[in-house]
Amino acid sequence: MYMSPIEKFIRENYTPTISENKLGMSCLFKHKEGLTEDSVVFFEFAKKGWTKKPIINKRQYVIVDADTRDLLEFLSNYFNLTEESYNDVRKIIVDMGISALDDFYGESSK
């Protein structure tokens, strides 16, 4: 599996941690040495009417927000990111959050 340099850097320096509350789930990206504030991707439980696809199980989530400011600033120090590249990097972070959520529930939730 190909891993971009940015994704590799995030995996080496951050630990994705899943937490659950009554509103849904969140994936916190905690810096392993505490050098940055946590970045977070928020998920809510999927509800009927949000999509035309059927909700197959209770573990379907919709991404509702992502606060990745500190992580993006930290990455820009190492990769000379520009504003134009932030959307691509945010997508990598969100995809890593989705992957962490899938790993948290295991493959049975797919």
N, C-alpha and C. Protein backbone atom coordinates (compact mmCIF):
# COMPACT_ATOMS: atom_id res chain seq x y z
N MET A 1 0.84 -1.17 0.00
CA MET A 1 0.00 0.00 0.00
C MET A 1 0.89 1.25 0.00
N TYR A 2 0.62 2.16 -0.93
CA TYR A 2 1.38 3.39 -1.02
C TYR A 2 0.97 4.35 0.10
N MET A 3 1.94 4.96 0.73
CA MET A 3 1.67 5.93 1.79
C MET A 3 2.42 7.21 1.43
N SER A 4 1.68 8.31 1.34
CA SER A 4 2.31 9.58 1.01
C SER A 4 3.27 9.99 2.13
N PRO A 5 4.25 10.84 1.83
CA PRO A 5 5.17 11.30 2.87
C PRO A 5 4.44 11.99 4.03
N ILE A 6 3.38 12.71 3.71
CA ILE A 6 2.62 13.40 4.76
C ILE A 6 1.91 12.39 5.65
N GLU A 7 1.29 11.38 5.04
CA GLU A 7 0.62 10.34 5.83
C GLU A 7 1.63 9.60 6.70
N LYS A 8 2.78 9.29 6.15
CA LYS A 8 3.83 8.60 6.91
C LYS A 8 4.27 9.46 8.10
N PHE A 9 4.46 10.76 7.87
CA PHE A 9 4.85 11.68 8.93
C PHE A 9 3.81 11.72 10.04
N ILE A 10 2.53 11.78 9.65
CA ILE A 10 1.46 11.82 10.66
C ILE A 10 1.47 10.53 11.47
N ARG A 11 1.59 9.39 10.80
CA ARG A 11 1.61 8.10 11.51
C ARG A 11 2.79 7.99 12.48
N GLU A 12 3.92 8.56 12.09
CA GLU A 12 5.11 8.49 12.94
C GLU A 12 5.02 9.43 14.15
N ASN A 13 4.29 10.55 14.02
CA ASN A 13 4.29 11.57 15.06
C ASN A 13 2.98 11.74 15.81
N TYR A 14 1.91 11.14 15.32
CA TYR A 14 0.60 11.30 15.95
C TYR A 14 -0.04 9.95 16.20
N THR A 15 -0.85 9.91 17.25
CA THR A 15 -1.62 8.71 17.58
C THR A 15 -3.09 9.02 17.42
N PRO A 16 -3.78 8.37 16.46
CA PRO A 16 -5.22 8.58 16.35
C PRO A 16 -5.94 7.82 17.46
N THR A 17 -6.79 8.53 18.19
CA THR A 17 -7.51 7.94 19.31
C THR A 17 -9.00 8.17 19.12
N ILE A 18 -9.78 7.10 19.17
CA ILE A 18 -11.23 7.19 18.98
C ILE A 18 -11.89 7.37 20.34
N SER A 19 -12.83 8.32 20.41
CA SER A 19 -13.63 8.47 21.62
C SER A 19 -15.10 8.59 21.22
N GLU A 20 -15.97 8.18 22.12
CA GLU A 20 -17.41 8.14 21.84
C GLU A 20 -18.15 8.91 22.91
N ASN A 21 -19.17 9.65 22.49
CA ASN A 21 -20.07 10.29 23.44
C ASN A 21 -21.48 10.21 22.88
N LYS A 22 -22.44 10.84 23.55
CA LYS A 22 -23.83 10.70 23.12
C LYS A 22 -24.10 11.36 21.77
N LEU A 23 -23.24 12.27 21.34
CA LEU A 23 -23.44 12.94 20.05
C LEU A 23 -22.84 12.17 18.88
N GLY A 24 -21.90 11.30 19.15
CA GLY A 24 -21.26 10.54 18.09
C GLY A 24 -19.86 10.11 18.47
N MET A 25 -19.00 10.13 17.48
CA MET A 25 -17.62 9.68 17.67
C MET A 25 -16.67 10.80 17.26
N SER A 26 -15.46 10.73 17.78
CA SER A 26 -14.43 11.65 17.33
C SER A 26 -13.11 10.90 17.26
N CYS A 27 -12.28 11.33 16.35
CA CYS A 27 -10.94 10.78 16.22
C CYS A 27 -9.96 11.89 16.54
N LEU A 28 -9.28 11.77 17.67
CA LEU A 28 -8.28 12.76 18.09
C LEU A 28 -6.92 12.35 17.55
N PHE A 29 -6.21 13.31 17.00
CA PHE A 29 -4.84 13.08 16.58
C PHE A 29 -3.95 13.74 17.61
N LYS A 30 -3.39 12.92 18.50
CA LYS A 30 -2.55 13.42 19.59
C LYS A 30 -1.08 13.29 19.20
N HIS A 31 -0.35 14.39 19.34
CA HIS A 31 1.08 14.34 19.06
C HIS A 31 1.75 13.47 20.12
N LYS A 32 2.60 12.59 19.70
CA LYS A 32 3.22 11.63 20.61
C LYS A 32 4.09 12.28 21.67
N GLU A 33 4.61 13.49 21.38
CA GLU A 33 5.44 14.20 22.36
C GLU A 33 4.74 15.42 22.92
N GLY A 34 3.48 15.62 22.58
CA GLY A 34 2.70 16.73 23.10
C GLY A 34 3.11 18.10 22.58
N LEU A 35 3.68 18.16 21.37
CA LEU A 35 4.16 19.43 20.84
C LEU A 35 3.05 20.30 20.26
N THR A 36 1.90 19.71 19.94
CA THR A 36 0.78 20.48 19.37
C THR A 36 -0.50 20.14 20.12
N GLU A 37 -1.48 21.01 19.96
CA GLU A 37 -2.82 20.71 20.46
C GLU A 37 -3.40 19.56 19.63
N ASP A 38 -4.37 18.85 20.19
CA ASP A 38 -4.99 17.75 19.47
C ASP A 38 -5.80 18.28 18.29
N SER A 39 -5.74 17.56 17.19
CA SER A 39 -6.62 17.82 16.06
C SER A 39 -7.71 16.76 16.13
N VAL A 40 -8.89 17.06 15.61
CA VAL A 40 -10.00 16.15 15.78
C VAL A 40 -10.89 16.12 14.54
N VAL A 41 -11.40 14.92 14.24
CA VAL A 41 -12.40 14.72 13.20
C VAL A 41 -13.65 14.22 13.90
N PHE A 42 -14.78 14.91 13.69
CA PHE A 42 -16.03 14.57 14.36
C PHE A 42 -16.94 13.78 13.43
N PHE A 43 -17.57 12.75 14.00
CA PHE A 43 -18.53 11.92 13.29
C PHE A 43 -19.83 11.92 14.09
N GLU A 44 -20.98 11.89 13.40
CA GLU A 44 -22.28 11.71 14.06
C GLU A 44 -22.90 10.43 13.54
N PHE A 45 -23.79 9.86 14.35
CA PHE A 45 -24.51 8.68 13.93
C PHE A 45 -25.36 9.02 12.71
N ALA A 46 -25.35 8.17 11.70
CA ALA A 46 -26.16 8.40 10.50
C ALA A 46 -27.63 8.22 10.85
N LYS A 47 -28.46 9.05 10.24
CA LYS A 47 -29.90 8.99 10.48
C LYS A 47 -30.62 8.82 9.16
N LYS A 48 -31.78 8.20 9.23
CA LYS A 48 -32.58 8.05 8.01
C LYS A 48 -32.89 9.43 7.46
N GLY A 49 -32.84 9.54 6.15
CA GLY A 49 -33.12 10.80 5.51
C GLY A 49 -31.87 11.59 5.14
N TRP A 50 -30.72 11.26 5.75
CA TRP A 50 -29.48 11.96 5.43
C TRP A 50 -28.92 11.50 4.10
N THR A 51 -29.25 10.30 3.72
CA THR A 51 -28.73 9.74 2.49
C THR A 51 -29.79 8.84 1.87
N LYS A 52 -29.67 8.61 0.58
CA LYS A 52 -30.61 7.71 -0.09
C LYS A 52 -30.20 6.25 0.08
N LYS A 53 -28.97 6.04 0.52
CA LYS A 53 -28.51 4.68 0.76
C LYS A 53 -29.13 4.17 2.06
N PRO A 54 -29.46 2.88 2.11
CA PRO A 54 -30.03 2.36 3.36
C PRO A 54 -29.00 2.29 4.47
N ILE A 55 -29.44 2.54 5.67
CA ILE A 55 -28.57 2.40 6.84
C ILE A 55 -28.64 0.93 7.26
N ILE A 56 -27.53 0.24 7.06
CA ILE A 56 -27.50 -1.20 7.26
C ILE A 56 -27.33 -1.58 8.72
N ASN A 57 -26.53 -0.82 9.45
CA ASN A 57 -26.32 -1.14 10.85
C ASN A 57 -26.23 0.14 11.66
N LYS A 58 -26.14 0.02 12.97
CA LYS A 58 -26.12 1.17 13.86
C LYS A 58 -24.77 1.88 13.88
N ARG A 59 -23.79 1.31 13.24
CA ARG A 59 -22.45 1.87 13.29
C ARG A 59 -22.09 2.62 12.01
N GLN A 60 -23.03 3.31 11.43
CA GLN A 60 -22.73 4.14 10.28
C GLN A 60 -22.65 5.59 10.73
N TYR A 61 -21.62 6.27 10.28
CA TYR A 61 -21.37 7.64 10.73
C TYR A 61 -21.21 8.57 9.54
N VAL A 62 -21.47 9.84 9.80
CA VAL A 62 -21.28 10.89 8.82
C VAL A 62 -20.26 11.86 9.40
N ILE A 63 -19.30 12.28 8.60
CA ILE A 63 -18.32 13.26 9.07
C ILE A 63 -19.02 14.61 9.12
N VAL A 64 -18.96 15.25 10.28
CA VAL A 64 -19.66 16.53 10.43
C VAL A 64 -18.71 17.72 10.58
N ASP A 65 -17.48 17.49 11.01
CA ASP A 65 -16.56 18.59 11.20
C ASP A 65 -15.16 18.04 11.40
N ALA A 66 -14.18 18.90 11.19
CA ALA A 66 -12.79 18.53 11.45
C ALA A 66 -12.02 19.79 11.83
N ASP A 67 -11.36 19.74 12.97
CA ASP A 67 -10.51 20.84 13.40
C ASP A 67 -9.07 20.36 13.30
N THR A 68 -8.41 20.74 12.22
CA THR A 68 -7.06 20.24 11.93
C THR A 68 -6.03 21.37 11.90
N ARG A 69 -6.38 22.51 12.40
CA ARG A 69 -5.54 23.72 12.31
C ARG A 69 -4.12 23.47 12.84
N ASP A 70 -4.00 22.98 14.07
CA ASP A 70 -2.66 22.80 14.67
C ASP A 70 -1.84 21.76 13.92
N LEU A 71 -2.48 20.70 13.50
CA LEU A 71 -1.78 19.66 12.74
C LEU A 71 -1.31 20.22 11.40
N LEU A 72 -2.15 21.00 10.73
CA LEU A 72 -1.75 21.60 9.46
C LEU A 72 -0.58 22.56 9.63
N GLU A 73 -0.63 23.37 10.68
CA GLU A 73 0.48 24.30 10.94
C GLU A 73 1.78 23.55 11.22
N PHE A 74 1.68 22.47 11.99
CA PHE A 74 2.86 21.65 12.29
C PHE A 74 3.42 21.03 11.01
N LEU A 75 2.53 20.50 10.16
CA LEU A 75 2.97 19.90 8.90
C LEU A 75 3.59 20.93 7.97
N SER A 76 3.05 22.14 7.98
CA SER A 76 3.59 23.16 7.07
C SER A 76 5.03 23.53 7.43
N ASN A 77 5.42 23.34 8.68
CA ASN A 77 6.81 23.59 9.06
C ASN A 77 7.77 22.59 8.42
N TYR A 78 7.30 21.38 8.14
CA TYR A 78 8.15 20.33 7.59
C TYR A 78 8.01 20.16 6.09
N PHE A 79 6.82 20.49 5.54
CA PHE A 79 6.56 20.22 4.13
C PHE A 79 6.32 21.47 3.30
N ASN A 80 6.49 22.67 3.86
CA ASN A 80 6.27 23.92 3.14
C ASN A 80 4.91 23.93 2.43
N LEU A 81 3.86 23.61 3.17
CA LEU A 81 2.52 23.58 2.61
C LEU A 81 2.05 24.99 2.27
N THR A 82 1.25 25.07 1.23
CA THR A 82 0.60 26.33 0.87
C THR A 82 -0.89 26.19 1.12
N GLU A 83 -1.61 27.28 1.08
CA GLU A 83 -3.07 27.25 1.27
C GLU A 83 -3.72 26.30 0.27
N GLU A 84 -3.19 26.24 -0.94
CA GLU A 84 -3.78 25.39 -1.98
C GLU A 84 -3.66 23.90 -1.64
N SER A 85 -2.64 23.53 -0.91
CA SER A 85 -2.44 22.11 -0.59
C SER A 85 -3.17 21.69 0.70
N TYR A 86 -3.72 22.64 1.45
CA TYR A 86 -4.38 22.30 2.71
C TYR A 86 -5.58 21.36 2.51
N ASN A 87 -6.35 21.55 1.45
CA ASN A 87 -7.50 20.67 1.23
C ASN A 87 -7.07 19.22 1.01
N ASP A 88 -5.99 19.02 0.26
CA ASP A 88 -5.49 17.66 0.04
C ASP A 88 -5.00 17.03 1.35
N VAL A 89 -4.33 17.83 2.16
CA VAL A 89 -3.83 17.32 3.44
C VAL A 89 -5.00 17.05 4.40
N ARG A 90 -6.00 17.93 4.40
CA ARG A 90 -7.19 17.67 5.23
C ARG A 90 -7.85 16.35 4.84
N LYS A 91 -7.90 16.08 3.53
CA LYS A 91 -8.49 14.82 3.07
C LYS A 91 -7.70 13.63 3.60
N ILE A 92 -6.38 13.73 3.60
CA ILE A 92 -5.55 12.65 4.15
C ILE A 92 -5.88 12.45 5.63
N ILE A 93 -6.00 13.55 6.38
CA ILE A 93 -6.29 13.46 7.82
C ILE A 93 -7.66 12.84 8.05
N VAL A 94 -8.67 13.28 7.29
CA VAL A 94 -10.02 12.74 7.44
C VAL A 94 -10.04 11.26 7.07
N ASP A 95 -9.36 10.88 5.99
CA ASP A 95 -9.29 9.47 5.60
C ASP A 95 -8.62 8.63 6.68
N MET A 96 -7.59 9.19 7.33
CA MET A 96 -6.94 8.47 8.43
C MET A 96 -7.90 8.34 9.61
N GLY A 97 -8.74 9.34 9.86
CA GLY A 97 -9.75 9.27 10.91
C GLY A 97 -10.77 8.20 10.62
N ILE A 98 -11.21 8.12 9.37
CA ILE A 98 -12.16 7.08 8.96
C ILE A 98 -11.54 5.70 9.14
N SER A 99 -10.29 5.57 8.74
CA SER A 99 -9.59 4.29 8.90
C SER A 99 -9.47 3.90 10.38
N ALA A 100 -9.17 4.88 11.23
CA ALA A 100 -9.07 4.60 12.68
C ALA A 100 -10.43 4.18 13.24
N LEU A 101 -11.51 4.80 12.75
CA LEU A 101 -12.86 4.42 13.20
C LEU A 101 -13.19 3.01 12.75
N ASP A 102 -12.84 2.68 11.51
CA ASP A 102 -13.06 1.31 11.01
C ASP A 102 -12.27 0.30 11.84
N ASP A 103 -11.02 0.62 12.16
CA ASP A 103 -10.20 -0.26 12.97
C ASP A 103 -10.78 -0.41 14.38
N PHE A 104 -11.34 0.67 14.91
CA PHE A 104 -11.92 0.65 16.25
C PHE A 104 -13.08 -0.35 16.31
N TYR A 105 -13.92 -0.35 15.28
CA TYR A 105 -15.07 -1.26 15.25
C TYR A 105 -14.76 -2.59 14.56
N GLY A 106 -13.67 -2.68 13.87
CA GLY A 106 -13.33 -3.90 13.17
C GLY A 106 -14.05 -3.95 11.82
N GLU A 107 -13.70 -4.90 11.05
CA GLU A 107 -14.24 -5.02 9.70
C GLU A 107 -15.72 -5.39 9.69
N SER A 108 -16.29 -5.86 10.78
CA SER A 108 -17.69 -6.28 10.81
C SER A 108 -18.65 -5.13 10.63
N SER A 109 -18.20 -3.88 10.84
CA SER A 109 -19.09 -2.73 10.74
C SER A 109 -19.27 -2.26 9.30
N LYS A 110 -18.49 -2.81 8.37
CA LYS A 110 -18.60 -2.38 6.97
C LYS A 110 -19.76 -3.03 6.30
